[in-house]
Amino acid sequence: MMMMMMVLLTSVHVVGELSQRMQIPGNVWVDVWQSARPVPARRQRRLFDDTKEAEKVCTPLAVYSCEYKINICRDWKLVRFLLT
């Protein structure tokens, strides 16, 4: 579940608030938002590790021959052409 948040920029600092939909009385996110402490983005755990995902793709490709890789690219060009 992802919390919807709107950020308002002021001349002095950034102020965050929940979206109108999330501010409906009785919504659990109101309580969560009020009790949460602000944590700078650089201190938060990454939700998506782009390096790890790139390694998942690149590592298997390293074992294939150049000829195989060229054929794969040629096949994908054909697939893209057929889908458009």
Protein backbone atom coordinates (compact mmCIF):
# COMPACT_ATOMS: atom_id res chain seq x y z
CA MET A 1 0.00 0.00 0.00
CA MET A 2 1.42 3.35 -0.92
CA MET A 3 0.56 6.52 0.96
CA MET A 4 -0.48 9.40 -1.26
CA MET A 5 1.24 12.63 -0.25
CA MET A 6 1.21 16.14 -1.59
CA VAL A 7 4.15 18.40 -0.88
CA LEU A 8 3.63 22.12 -0.68
CA LEU A 9 6.66 24.28 -1.27
CA THR A 10 6.97 27.42 0.81
CA SER A 11 9.63 30.06 0.72
CA VAL A 12 11.12 28.78 3.99
CA HIS A 13 10.76 24.98 3.99
CA VAL A 14 8.84 22.02 2.57
CA VAL A 15 5.56 21.14 4.26
CA GLY A 16 3.90 17.78 3.54
CA GLU A 17 0.27 16.88 3.85
CA LEU A 18 -2.01 14.01 2.91
CA SER A 19 -4.15 14.30 -0.20
CA GLN A 20 -7.82 15.25 0.21
CA ARG A 21 -8.88 11.64 -0.35
CA MET A 22 -6.58 10.42 2.42
CA GLN A 23 -7.84 13.08 4.86
CA ILE A 24 -11.36 11.60 5.04
CA PRO A 25 -12.32 11.22 8.74
CA GLY A 26 -11.69 7.73 10.08
CA ASN A 27 -9.01 6.98 7.48
CA VAL A 28 -6.13 5.05 9.09
CA TRP A 29 -3.59 7.16 7.18
CA VAL A 30 -4.58 10.27 9.17
CA ASP A 31 -3.37 8.59 12.39
CA VAL A 32 -0.28 7.18 10.68
CA TRP A 33 0.58 10.57 9.16
CA GLN A 34 0.20 12.41 12.48
CA SER A 35 2.36 9.91 14.39
CA ALA A 36 5.08 9.53 11.73
CA ARG A 37 8.36 11.35 12.15
CA PRO A 38 9.97 12.99 9.12
CA VAL A 39 12.95 11.09 7.69
CA PRO A 40 15.14 12.62 4.96
CA ALA A 41 15.07 10.69 1.67
CA ARG A 42 18.79 9.96 1.88
CA ARG A 43 18.20 8.05 5.15
CA GLN A 44 15.24 6.02 3.87
CA ARG A 45 15.62 2.47 2.57
CA ARG A 46 15.46 2.28 -1.19
CA LEU A 47 12.19 0.82 -2.50
CA PHE A 48 13.74 -0.07 -5.86
CA ASP A 49 17.41 -0.98 -6.28
CA ASP A 50 18.22 -0.18 -9.90
CA THR A 51 21.74 -1.60 -9.60
CA LYS A 52 20.46 -4.96 -8.40
CA GLU A 53 17.86 -5.12 -11.19
CA ALA A 54 20.45 -4.21 -13.84
CA GLU A 55 22.73 -6.97 -12.58
CA LYS A 56 19.87 -9.46 -12.93
CA VAL A 57 19.70 -8.57 -16.63
CA CYS A 58 23.39 -8.10 -17.42
CA THR A 59 24.83 -11.12 -15.62
CA PRO A 60 23.12 -13.76 -17.82
CA LEU A 61 23.97 -11.74 -20.93
CA ALA A 62 27.68 -11.98 -20.13
CA VAL A 63 27.74 -15.72 -20.83
CA TYR A 64 26.13 -15.52 -24.28
CA SER A 65 28.18 -15.22 -27.46
CA CYS A 66 28.13 -12.03 -29.52
CA GLU A 67 26.36 -13.86 -32.33
CA TYR A 68 23.57 -14.94 -30.00
CA LYS A 69 23.15 -11.38 -28.66
CA ILE A 70 22.96 -9.99 -32.21
CA ASN A 71 20.30 -12.54 -33.12
CA ILE A 72 18.29 -11.64 -30.01
CA CYS A 73 18.42 -7.93 -30.93
CA ARG A 74 17.40 -8.71 -34.51
CA ASP A 75 14.47 -10.81 -33.23
CA TRP A 76 13.32 -8.00 -30.92
CA LYS A 77 13.45 -5.51 -33.79
CA LEU A 78 11.22 -7.85 -35.78
CA VAL A 79 8.81 -8.24 -32.84
CA ARG A 80 8.60 -4.47 -32.36
CA PHE A 81 8.00 -4.00 -36.09
CA LEU A 82 5.20 -6.58 -36.07
CA LEU A 83 3.53 -5.06 -33.00
CA THR A 84 3.42 -1.53 -34.42
